[in-house]
Amino acid sequence: MGEVEDVLQRAAANTATLPIPKSAQAQMRFLLKAEKGSTRAVAARLGVTQRTVERYVKGTLRRPRKDLAARLEREVRKDWQPRIHQRAKKHAASRGGIVIETRTRFGFTAAPGSTDDGRMRRITQHLPPTYATRLFAAQAAGATEQQLQNIAAEGLQEIYSKDRGRRAHDLEVEFTDIDYIELDF
């Protein structure tokens, strides 16, 4: 997965109202329930054997390796409280919008005589619901990382750089090097 895809999933996971299960056994049981009792499907999601899943569910194994613990937590967060995540996304797409915070190199294409050198900038900007809708729709359709970055860059271009069409009409913005990016809705 790419950076923007990961950030969208993390932002959705941060809307949860209850903490995820703490123990590896409880997390495995949750995934098992989410996969309708299929230890094979859980094993495929985690990249372990079916027998390993069975041992964690039974309680024979208790403390997973760090890499398995991270995968286990990530997979549980994906399925934890899906209705809350959907409600938060619906609110962001209809009324709330999203807040994007990024430190990235912005490349500019502008009128002749101005500089087009990319500059590292840190920007925190609220984007209206239309960009949230486009990001969620693109994510659901399986858009590439570059397509997601282009939507975010276009949102920053229109809201931050062009001030909703009030200035810099010929300016075009693109992400060329992302240092970090965070989203919240």
N, C-alpha and C. Protein backbone atom coordinates (compact mmCIF):
# COMPACT_ATOMS: atom_id res chain seq x y z
N MET A 1 0.83 -1.18 0.00
CA MET A 1 0.00 0.00 0.00
C MET A 1 0.87 1.24 0.00
N GLY A 2 0.31 2.32 -0.50
CA GLY A 2 1.02 3.58 -0.54
C GLY A 2 0.75 4.42 0.68
N GLU A 3 1.40 5.56 0.73
CA GLU A 3 1.28 6.43 1.89
C GLU A 3 -0.13 6.97 2.08
N VAL A 4 -0.73 7.47 1.02
CA VAL A 4 -2.06 8.08 1.14
C VAL A 4 -3.09 7.01 1.50
N GLU A 5 -2.97 5.83 0.90
CA GLU A 5 -3.88 4.71 1.22
C GLU A 5 -3.78 4.36 2.70
N ASP A 6 -2.55 4.23 3.21
CA ASP A 6 -2.34 3.93 4.63
C ASP A 6 -2.92 5.01 5.52
N VAL A 7 -2.71 6.26 5.14
CA VAL A 7 -3.19 7.38 5.94
C VAL A 7 -4.71 7.40 5.99
N LEU A 8 -5.36 7.09 4.87
CA LEU A 8 -6.82 7.04 4.86
C LEU A 8 -7.34 5.94 5.78
N GLN A 9 -6.68 4.79 5.77
CA GLN A 9 -7.09 3.70 6.66
C GLN A 9 -6.84 4.05 8.12
N ARG A 10 -5.71 4.68 8.41
CA ARG A 10 -5.40 5.07 9.79
C ARG A 10 -6.40 6.11 10.29
N ALA A 11 -6.76 7.06 9.43
CA ALA A 11 -7.73 8.09 9.82
C ALA A 11 -9.08 7.45 10.13
N ALA A 12 -9.48 6.47 9.33
CA ALA A 12 -10.75 5.77 9.60
C ALA A 12 -10.65 4.99 10.89
N ALA A 13 -9.51 4.35 11.13
CA ALA A 13 -9.33 3.57 12.36
C ALA A 13 -9.34 4.46 13.60
N ASN A 14 -8.89 5.69 13.45
CA ASN A 14 -8.86 6.62 14.59
C ASN A 14 -10.24 7.10 15.00
N THR A 15 -11.26 6.79 14.21
CA THR A 15 -12.61 7.19 14.57
C THR A 15 -13.28 6.20 15.51
N ALA A 16 -12.62 5.08 15.79
CA ALA A 16 -13.20 4.04 16.65
C ALA A 16 -13.47 4.60 18.04
N THR A 17 -14.57 4.14 18.61
CA THR A 17 -14.96 4.62 19.93
C THR A 17 -14.52 3.69 21.05
N LEU A 18 -14.17 2.46 20.70
CA LEU A 18 -13.70 1.48 21.69
C LEU A 18 -12.31 1.01 21.30
N PRO A 19 -11.47 0.68 22.29
CA PRO A 19 -10.14 0.15 21.95
C PRO A 19 -10.25 -1.26 21.38
N ILE A 20 -9.28 -1.63 20.56
CA ILE A 20 -9.27 -2.98 20.00
C ILE A 20 -8.92 -3.98 21.11
N PRO A 21 -9.23 -5.26 20.92
CA PRO A 21 -8.85 -6.26 21.93
C PRO A 21 -7.35 -6.24 22.19
N LYS A 22 -6.95 -6.46 23.43
CA LYS A 22 -5.53 -6.33 23.82
C LYS A 22 -4.72 -7.60 23.56
N SER A 23 -5.21 -8.74 23.98
CA SER A 23 -4.41 -9.96 23.90
C SER A 23 -4.43 -10.53 22.49
N ALA A 24 -3.40 -11.30 22.17
CA ALA A 24 -3.32 -11.95 20.87
C ALA A 24 -4.47 -12.95 20.69
N GLN A 25 -4.83 -13.62 21.76
CA GLN A 25 -5.92 -14.58 21.69
C GLN A 25 -7.24 -13.87 21.34
N ALA A 26 -7.51 -12.77 22.00
CA ALA A 26 -8.75 -12.03 21.73
C ALA A 26 -8.74 -11.45 20.31
N GLN A 27 -7.59 -10.99 19.86
CA GLN A 27 -7.49 -10.46 18.51
C GLN A 27 -7.71 -11.56 17.47
N MET A 28 -7.13 -12.73 17.71
CA MET A 28 -7.34 -13.87 16.79
C MET A 28 -8.81 -14.28 16.77
N ARG A 29 -9.43 -14.31 17.94
CA ARG A 29 -10.85 -14.68 17.99
C ARG A 29 -11.70 -13.67 17.23
N PHE A 30 -11.35 -12.39 17.34
CA PHE A 30 -12.09 -11.36 16.60
C PHE A 30 -11.94 -11.58 15.10
N LEU A 31 -10.70 -11.82 14.64
CA LEU A 31 -10.49 -12.06 13.21
C LEU A 31 -11.20 -13.33 12.75
N LEU A 32 -11.20 -14.33 13.60
CA LEU A 32 -11.88 -15.58 13.27
C LEU A 32 -13.38 -15.33 13.10
N LYS A 33 -13.95 -14.53 13.96
CA LYS A 33 -15.37 -14.19 13.86
C LYS A 33 -15.62 -13.37 12.59
N ALA A 34 -14.71 -12.43 12.29
CA ALA A 34 -14.85 -11.60 11.09
C ALA A 34 -14.77 -12.43 9.81
N GLU A 35 -13.99 -13.50 9.84
CA GLU A 35 -13.82 -14.38 8.68
C GLU A 35 -14.79 -15.55 8.72
N LYS A 36 -15.82 -15.46 9.54
CA LYS A 36 -16.88 -16.47 9.64
C LYS A 36 -16.35 -17.85 10.01
N GLY A 37 -15.37 -17.87 10.93
CA GLY A 37 -14.88 -19.12 11.47
C GLY A 37 -13.81 -19.81 10.65
N SER A 38 -13.31 -19.18 9.63
CA SER A 38 -12.33 -19.81 8.76
C SER A 38 -10.90 -19.51 9.23
N THR A 39 -10.27 -20.49 9.86
CA THR A 39 -8.88 -20.30 10.29
C THR A 39 -7.96 -20.18 9.09
N ARG A 40 -8.31 -20.79 7.99
CA ARG A 40 -7.51 -20.68 6.76
C ARG A 40 -7.49 -19.23 6.25
N ALA A 41 -8.65 -18.57 6.27
CA ALA A 41 -8.72 -17.18 5.81
C ALA A 41 -7.93 -16.26 6.74
N VAL A 42 -8.01 -16.48 8.04
CA VAL A 42 -7.24 -15.67 9.00
C VAL A 42 -5.75 -15.89 8.79
N ALA A 43 -5.36 -17.14 8.59
CA ALA A 43 -3.95 -17.45 8.35
C ALA A 43 -3.45 -16.77 7.08
N ALA A 44 -4.27 -16.75 6.05
CA ALA A 44 -3.87 -16.09 4.80
C ALA A 44 -3.72 -14.58 5.00
N ARG A 45 -4.61 -13.98 5.77
CA ARG A 45 -4.52 -12.53 6.04
C ARG A 45 -3.25 -12.18 6.81
N LEU A 46 -2.85 -13.06 7.71
CA LEU A 46 -1.70 -12.77 8.58
C LEU A 46 -0.39 -13.32 8.04
N GLY A 47 -0.45 -14.19 7.06
CA GLY A 47 0.77 -14.77 6.52
C GLY A 47 1.40 -15.80 7.44
N VAL A 48 0.57 -16.55 8.16
CA VAL A 48 1.03 -17.62 9.06
C VAL A 48 0.31 -18.90 8.68
N THR A 49 0.65 -19.99 9.36
CA THR A 49 -0.02 -21.25 9.08
C THR A 49 -1.38 -21.30 9.80
N GLN A 50 -2.20 -22.17 9.31
CA GLN A 50 -3.52 -22.37 9.91
C GLN A 50 -3.37 -22.88 11.34
N ARG A 51 -2.40 -23.72 11.56
CA ARG A 51 -2.15 -24.30 12.90
C ARG A 51 -1.74 -23.21 13.89
N THR A 52 -0.98 -22.22 13.43
CA THR A 52 -0.59 -21.12 14.31
C THR A 52 -1.81 -20.35 14.78
N VAL A 53 -2.74 -20.10 13.87
CA VAL A 53 -3.98 -19.42 14.25
C VAL A 53 -4.73 -20.24 15.28
N GLU A 54 -4.83 -21.52 15.06
CA GLU A 54 -5.53 -22.40 16.00
C GLU A 54 -4.88 -22.36 17.38
N ARG A 55 -3.57 -22.32 17.43
CA ARG A 55 -2.86 -22.28 18.72
C ARG A 55 -3.11 -20.97 19.46
N TYR A 56 -3.17 -19.86 18.74
CA TYR A 56 -3.47 -18.59 19.40
C TYR A 56 -4.91 -18.55 19.90
N VAL A 57 -5.84 -19.07 19.12
CA VAL A 57 -7.24 -19.10 19.53
C VAL A 57 -7.41 -19.98 20.77
N LYS A 58 -6.73 -21.10 20.79
CA LYS A 58 -6.81 -22.03 21.91
C LYS A 58 -6.12 -21.47 23.15
N GLY A 59 -5.12 -20.63 22.97
CA GLY A 59 -4.38 -20.07 24.11
C GLY A 59 -3.05 -20.73 24.35
N THR A 60 -2.66 -21.67 23.49
CA THR A 60 -1.37 -22.35 23.63
C THR A 60 -0.23 -21.36 23.37
N LEU A 61 -0.37 -20.55 22.35
CA LEU A 61 0.58 -19.48 22.07
C LEU A 61 -0.02 -18.17 22.59
N ARG A 62 0.80 -17.36 23.22
CA ARG A 62 0.27 -16.13 23.83
C ARG A 62 0.93 -14.85 23.33
N ARG A 63 2.22 -14.88 23.09
CA ARG A 63 2.95 -13.66 22.72
C ARG A 63 3.53 -13.80 21.31
N PRO A 64 2.93 -13.12 20.36
CA PRO A 64 3.44 -13.21 18.98
C PRO A 64 4.74 -12.41 18.81
N ARG A 65 5.50 -12.79 17.78
CA ARG A 65 6.69 -12.01 17.42
C ARG A 65 6.25 -10.60 17.06
N LYS A 66 7.20 -9.67 17.07
CA LYS A 66 6.86 -8.27 16.82
C LYS A 66 6.20 -8.07 15.46
N ASP A 67 6.73 -8.72 14.42
CA ASP A 67 6.15 -8.54 13.09
C ASP A 67 4.73 -9.12 13.01
N LEU A 68 4.52 -10.27 13.63
CA LEU A 68 3.18 -10.86 13.64
C LEU A 68 2.23 -10.02 14.49
N ALA A 69 2.71 -9.50 15.61
CA ALA A 69 1.87 -8.64 16.46
C ALA A 69 1.43 -7.40 15.70
N ALA A 70 2.33 -6.81 14.92
CA ALA A 70 2.00 -5.62 14.13
C ALA A 70 0.97 -5.96 13.05
N ARG A 71 1.16 -7.08 12.35
CA ARG A 71 0.20 -7.49 11.32
C ARG A 71 -1.16 -7.80 11.94
N LEU A 72 -1.13 -8.46 13.08
CA LEU A 72 -2.37 -8.82 13.78
C LEU A 72 -3.15 -7.56 14.18
N GLU A 73 -2.45 -6.60 14.75
CA GLU A 73 -3.11 -5.35 15.15
C GLU A 73 -3.65 -4.60 13.93
N ARG A 74 -2.87 -4.55 12.86
CA ARG A 74 -3.31 -3.85 11.64
C ARG A 74 -4.57 -4.50 11.07
N GLU A 75 -4.61 -5.82 11.02
CA GLU A 75 -5.77 -6.52 10.47
C GLU A 75 -7.00 -6.34 11.36
N VAL A 76 -6.82 -6.34 12.67
CA VAL A 76 -7.94 -6.13 13.57
C VAL A 76 -8.49 -4.72 13.40
N ARG A 77 -7.59 -3.74 13.30
CA ARG A 77 -8.03 -2.34 13.12
C ARG A 77 -8.83 -2.15 11.83
N LYS A 78 -8.50 -2.92 10.79
CA LYS A 78 -9.23 -2.80 9.53
C LYS A 78 -10.70 -3.15 9.71
N ASP A 79 -10.99 -4.17 10.53
CA ASP A 79 -12.35 -4.65 10.68
C ASP A 79 -13.04 -4.17 11.96
N TRP A 80 -12.36 -3.41 12.79
CA TRP A 80 -12.90 -3.01 14.08
C TRP A 80 -13.89 -1.87 13.89
N GLN A 81 -15.09 -2.04 14.36
CA GLN A 81 -16.17 -1.06 14.33
C GLN A 81 -16.41 -0.48 12.93
N PRO A 82 -16.77 -1.30 11.96
CA PRO A 82 -16.93 -0.81 10.59
C PRO A 82 -18.05 0.21 10.42
N ARG A 83 -19.11 0.09 11.21
CA ARG A 83 -20.20 1.06 11.07
C ARG A 83 -19.78 2.44 11.54
N ILE A 84 -18.94 2.50 12.57
CA ILE A 84 -18.43 3.80 13.06
C ILE A 84 -17.54 4.42 11.98
N HIS A 85 -16.70 3.62 11.33
CA HIS A 85 -15.83 4.12 10.27
C HIS A 85 -16.66 4.64 9.11
N GLN A 86 -17.69 3.89 8.73
CA GLN A 86 -18.56 4.32 7.63
C GLN A 86 -19.28 5.62 7.97
N ARG A 87 -19.75 5.73 9.21
CA ARG A 87 -20.45 6.94 9.62
C ARG A 87 -19.50 8.15 9.58
N ALA A 88 -18.26 7.97 10.03
CA ALA A 88 -17.28 9.06 10.00
C ALA A 88 -16.94 9.45 8.56
N LYS A 89 -16.80 8.47 7.68
CA LYS A 89 -16.52 8.76 6.28
C LYS A 89 -17.70 9.48 5.63
N LYS A 90 -18.92 9.03 5.96
CA LYS A 90 -20.11 9.67 5.40
C LYS A 90 -20.20 11.12 5.85
N HIS A 91 -19.90 11.37 7.12
CA HIS A 91 -19.91 12.74 7.64
C HIS A 91 -18.85 13.59 6.94
N ALA A 92 -17.65 13.04 6.76
CA ALA A 92 -16.57 13.79 6.10
C ALA A 92 -16.94 14.08 4.64
N ALA A 93 -17.59 13.14 3.98
CA ALA A 93 -17.93 13.32 2.57
C ALA A 93 -19.13 14.22 2.36
N SER A 94 -19.98 14.38 3.38
CA SER A 94 -21.18 15.19 3.20
C SER A 94 -21.08 16.57 3.85
N ARG A 95 -20.49 16.65 5.04
CA ARG A 95 -20.49 17.93 5.76
C ARG A 95 -19.14 18.35 6.28
N GLY A 96 -18.38 17.43 6.83
CA GLY A 96 -17.19 17.81 7.58
C GLY A 96 -15.94 18.08 6.78
N GLY A 97 -15.74 17.35 5.69
CA GLY A 97 -14.49 17.46 4.95
C GLY A 97 -13.37 16.75 5.68
N ILE A 98 -12.15 16.95 5.22
CA ILE A 98 -10.99 16.34 5.84
C ILE A 98 -9.92 17.39 6.08
N VAL A 99 -9.08 17.12 7.06
CA VAL A 99 -7.93 17.98 7.33
C VAL A 99 -6.70 17.20 6.90
N ILE A 100 -5.91 17.82 6.06
CA ILE A 100 -4.69 17.19 5.57
C ILE A 100 -3.50 17.97 6.10
N GLU A 101 -2.58 17.25 6.70
CA GLU A 101 -1.33 17.86 7.16
C GLU A 101 -0.21 17.12 6.45
N THR A 102 0.65 17.86 5.80
CA THR A 102 1.70 17.24 5.03
C THR A 102 2.96 18.09 5.01
N ARG A 103 4.05 17.41 4.89
CA ARG A 103 5.33 18.07 4.61
C ARG A 103 5.83 17.39 3.35
N THR A 104 5.81 18.14 2.28
CA THR A 104 6.13 17.57 0.98
C THR A 104 6.79 18.60 0.09
N ARG A 105 7.42 18.12 -0.93
CA ARG A 105 7.99 19.01 -1.93
C ARG A 105 6.91 19.27 -2.96
N PHE A 106 6.56 20.54 -3.10
CA PHE A 106 5.56 20.92 -4.07
C PHE A 106 6.25 21.44 -5.31
N GLY A 107 5.89 20.87 -6.44
CA GLY A 107 6.35 21.38 -7.73
C GLY A 107 5.26 22.25 -8.30
N PHE A 108 5.64 23.35 -8.92
CA PHE A 108 4.67 24.29 -9.45
C PHE A 108 4.84 24.44 -10.95
N THR A 109 3.75 24.57 -11.65
CA THR A 109 3.76 24.98 -13.04
C THR A 109 2.96 26.27 -13.06
N ALA A 110 3.62 27.36 -13.43
CA ALA A 110 2.97 28.66 -13.35
C ALA A 110 3.29 29.46 -14.60
N ALA A 111 2.85 30.70 -14.59
CA ALA A 111 3.06 31.60 -15.71
C ALA A 111 4.55 31.84 -15.95
N PRO A 112 4.94 32.18 -17.19
CA PRO A 112 6.34 32.47 -17.48
C PRO A 112 6.85 33.63 -16.60
N GLY A 113 8.11 33.52 -16.22
CA GLY A 113 8.71 34.55 -15.39
C GLY A 113 8.69 34.23 -13.92
N SER A 114 7.89 33.23 -13.51
CA SER A 114 7.87 32.85 -12.11
C SER A 114 8.71 31.59 -11.94
N THR A 115 9.09 31.30 -10.72
CA THR A 115 9.94 30.13 -10.47
C THR A 115 9.08 28.88 -10.37
N ASP A 116 9.61 27.78 -10.88
CA ASP A 116 8.90 26.51 -10.77
C ASP A 116 9.70 25.50 -9.97
N ASP A 117 10.70 25.97 -9.22
CA ASP A 117 11.49 25.09 -8.38
C ASP A 117 10.62 24.51 -7.29
N GLY A 118 10.73 23.20 -7.09
CA GLY A 118 9.99 22.56 -6.02
C GLY A 118 10.54 22.99 -4.68
N ARG A 119 9.65 23.20 -3.71
CA ARG A 119 10.06 23.62 -2.37
C ARG A 119 9.39 22.72 -1.36
N MET A 120 10.15 22.37 -0.30
CA MET A 120 9.61 21.58 0.79
C MET A 120 8.74 22.51 1.64
N ARG A 121 7.48 22.15 1.82
CA ARG A 121 6.56 22.97 2.61
C ARG A 121 5.77 22.09 3.56
N ARG A 122 5.45 22.67 4.70
CA ARG A 122 4.57 22.01 5.66
C ARG A 122 3.25 22.75 5.64
N ILE A 123 2.20 22.02 5.34
CA ILE A 123 0.88 22.64 5.17
C ILE A 123 -0.14 21.83 5.96
N THR A 124 -0.97 22.52 6.70
CA THR A 124 -2.15 21.92 7.33
C THR A 124 -3.34 22.67 6.77
N GLN A 125 -4.23 21.96 6.10
CA GLN A 125 -5.33 22.61 5.40
C GLN A 125 -6.59 21.77 5.49
N HIS A 126 -7.70 22.41 5.72
CA HIS A 126 -9.01 21.75 5.69
C HIS A 126 -9.48 21.72 4.24
N LEU A 127 -9.81 20.53 3.77
CA LEU A 127 -10.35 20.38 2.42
C LEU A 127 -11.85 20.13 2.51
N PRO A 128 -12.62 20.72 1.61
CA PRO A 128 -14.08 20.56 1.67
C PRO A 128 -14.52 19.12 1.38
N PRO A 129 -15.78 18.82 1.67
CA PRO A 129 -16.30 17.45 1.51
C PRO A 129 -16.15 16.88 0.10
N THR A 130 -16.11 17.71 -0.92
CA THR A 130 -15.99 17.17 -2.28
C THR A 130 -14.69 16.39 -2.47
N TYR A 131 -13.60 16.86 -1.86
CA TYR A 131 -12.32 16.15 -1.97
C TYR A 131 -12.32 14.88 -1.12
N ALA A 132 -13.00 14.92 0.01
CA ALA A 132 -13.14 13.72 0.83
C ALA A 132 -13.91 12.66 0.04
N THR A 133 -14.98 13.07 -0.61
CA THR A 133 -15.79 12.15 -1.41
C THR A 133 -14.94 11.53 -2.52
N ARG A 134 -14.16 12.36 -3.20
CA ARG A 134 -13.33 11.85 -4.30
C ARG A 134 -12.26 10.88 -3.79
N LEU A 135 -11.64 11.21 -2.65
CA LEU A 135 -10.62 10.32 -2.09
C LEU A 135 -11.22 8.97 -1.69
N PHE A 136 -12.37 8.99 -1.00
CA PHE A 136 -13.00 7.75 -0.57
C PHE A 136 -13.46 6.92 -1.77
N ALA A 137 -14.02 7.58 -2.78
CA ALA A 137 -14.48 6.86 -3.97
C ALA A 137 -13.30 6.24 -4.72
N ALA A 138 -12.22 6.98 -4.83
CA ALA A 138 -11.03 6.45 -5.51
C ALA A 138 -10.43 5.29 -4.73
N GLN A 139 -10.41 5.41 -3.41
CA GLN A 139 -9.87 4.33 -2.57
C GLN A 139 -10.73 3.07 -2.73
N ALA A 140 -12.05 3.25 -2.72
CA ALA A 140 -12.95 2.10 -2.85
C ALA A 140 -12.84 1.46 -4.24
N ALA A 141 -12.52 2.27 -5.25
CA ALA A 141 -12.40 1.75 -6.61
C ALA A 141 -11.03 1.12 -6.88
N GLY A 142 -10.15 1.18 -5.88
CA GLY A 142 -8.83 0.56 -6.04
C GLY A 142 -7.85 1.45 -6.80
N ALA A 143 -7.94 2.75 -6.59
CA ALA A 143 -7.05 3.69 -7.27
C ALA A 143 -5.60 3.47 -6.85
N THR A 144 -4.70 3.84 -7.74
CA THR A 144 -3.28 3.73 -7.43
C THR A 144 -2.87 4.83 -6.46
N GLU A 145 -1.70 4.67 -5.89
CA GLU A 145 -1.16 5.68 -4.96
C GLU A 145 -1.02 7.03 -5.66
N GLN A 146 -0.58 7.01 -6.90
CA GLN A 146 -0.39 8.26 -7.64
C GLN A 146 -1.72 8.97 -7.85
N GLN A 147 -2.78 8.24 -8.13
CA GLN A 147 -4.10 8.85 -8.31
C GLN A 147 -4.58 9.49 -7.01
N LEU A 148 -4.38 8.81 -5.88
CA LEU A 148 -4.77 9.37 -4.59
C LEU A 148 -3.96 10.63 -4.29
N GLN A 149 -2.66 10.58 -4.58
CA GLN A 149 -1.82 11.77 -4.36
C GLN A 149 -2.28 12.92 -5.25
N ASN A 150 -2.66 12.63 -6.47
CA ASN A 150 -3.13 13.69 -7.37
C ASN A 150 -4.40 14.36 -6.86
N ILE A 151 -5.31 13.57 -6.29
CA ILE A 151 -6.54 14.15 -5.73
C ILE A 151 -6.20 15.06 -4.55
N ALA A 152 -5.32 14.59 -3.66
CA ALA A 152 -4.91 15.41 -2.52
C ALA A 152 -4.18 16.67 -2.98
N ALA A 153 -3.31 16.53 -3.97
CA ALA A 153 -2.58 17.69 -4.49
C ALA A 153 -3.53 18.68 -5.14
N GLU A 154 -4.53 18.18 -5.86
CA GLU A 154 -5.51 19.06 -6.48
C GLU A 154 -6.31 19.83 -5.42
N GLY A 155 -6.66 19.13 -4.34
CA GLY A 155 -7.37 19.80 -3.25
C GLY A 155 -6.54 20.91 -2.63
N LEU A 156 -5.26 20.63 -2.37
CA LEU A 156 -4.38 21.66 -1.83
C LEU A 156 -4.16 22.79 -2.83
N GLN A 157 -4.11 22.45 -4.10
CA GLN A 157 -3.95 23.47 -5.14
C GLN A 157 -5.13 24.43 -5.13
N GLU A 158 -6.34 23.89 -5.11
CA GLU A 158 -7.53 24.74 -5.19
C GLU A 158 -7.77 25.53 -3.91
N ILE A 159 -7.58 24.91 -2.76
CA ILE A 159 -7.93 25.56 -1.50
C ILE A 159 -6.77 26.41 -0.97
N TYR A 160 -5.57 25.87 -0.97
CA TYR A 160 -4.42 26.57 -0.38
C TYR A 160 -3.76 27.53 -1.37
N SER A 161 -3.38 27.03 -2.53
CA SER A 161 -2.61 27.84 -3.46
C SER A 161 -3.47 28.82 -4.25
N LYS A 162 -4.60 28.37 -4.73
CA LYS A 162 -5.45 29.24 -5.55
C LYS A 162 -6.52 29.97 -4.74
N ASP A 163 -6.62 29.65 -3.45
CA ASP A 163 -7.60 30.30 -2.58
C ASP A 163 -9.00 30.25 -3.17
N ARG A 164 -9.42 29.03 -3.53
CA ARG A 164 -10.74 28.76 -4.10
C ARG A 164 -11.02 29.55 -5.38
N GLY A 165 -9.97 29.72 -6.19
CA GLY A 165 -10.12 30.38 -7.48
C GLY A 165 -9.99 31.90 -7.44
N ARG A 166 -9.59 32.47 -6.31
CA ARG A 166 -9.48 33.92 -6.21
C ARG A 166 -8.12 34.46 -6.65
N ARG A 167 -7.12 33.56 -6.81
CA ARG A 167 -5.80 34.02 -7.24
C ARG A 167 -5.05 32.88 -7.93
N ALA A 168 -3.96 33.20 -8.58
CA ALA A 168 -3.06 32.23 -9.22
C ALA A 168 -3.82 31.25 -10.11
N HIS A 169 -4.54 31.77 -11.07
CA HIS A 169 -5.41 30.95 -11.91
C HIS A 169 -4.66 29.91 -12.75
N ASP A 170 -3.45 30.23 -13.21
CA ASP A 170 -2.71 29.32 -14.07
C ASP A 170 -1.82 28.34 -13.31
N LEU A 171 -1.84 28.40 -11.99
CA LEU A 171 -0.96 27.58 -11.17
C LEU A 171 -1.44 26.13 -11.13
N GLU A 172 -0.49 25.19 -11.29
CA GLU A 172 -0.79 23.77 -11.12
C GLU A 172 0.21 23.21 -10.12
N VAL A 173 -0.29 22.43 -9.16
CA VAL A 173 0.53 21.91 -8.08
C VAL A 173 0.59 20.39 -8.17
N GLU A 174 1.74 19.82 -7.86
CA GLU A 174 1.86 18.36 -7.77
C GLU A 174 2.80 18.01 -6.63
N PHE A 175 2.51 16.87 -5.98
CA PHE A 175 3.41 16.33 -4.96
C PHE A 175 4.58 15.70 -5.70
N THR A 176 5.79 16.05 -5.32
CA THR A 176 6.94 15.39 -5.95
C THR A 176 7.73 14.56 -4.95
N ASP A 177 7.63 14.85 -3.66
CA ASP A 177 8.39 14.10 -2.66
C ASP A 177 7.68 14.28 -1.32
N ILE A 178 7.00 13.23 -0.83
CA ILE A 178 6.25 13.33 0.43
C ILE A 178 7.16 12.91 1.58
N ASP A 179 7.37 13.84 2.53
CA ASP A 179 8.11 13.52 3.75
C ASP A 179 7.17 12.81 4.73
N TYR A 180 6.02 13.40 4.99
CA TYR A 180 4.96 12.73 5.76
C TYR A 180 3.62 13.34 5.37
N ILE A 181 2.58 12.58 5.65
CA ILE A 181 1.22 13.05 5.38
C ILE A 181 0.29 12.44 6.42
N GLU A 182 -0.62 13.22 6.95
CA GLU A 182 -1.63 12.77 7.89
C GLU A 182 -2.98 13.32 7.47
N LEU A 183 -4.02 12.54 7.70
CA LEU A 183 -5.38 12.97 7.42
C LEU A 183 -6.24 12.78 8.66
N ASP A 184 -7.23 13.61 8.79
CA ASP A 184 -8.18 13.48 9.89
C ASP A 184 -9.55 13.91 9.38
N PHE A 185 -10.57 13.20 9.83
CA PHE A 185 -11.94 13.60 9.48
C PHE A 185 -12.86 13.31 10.64
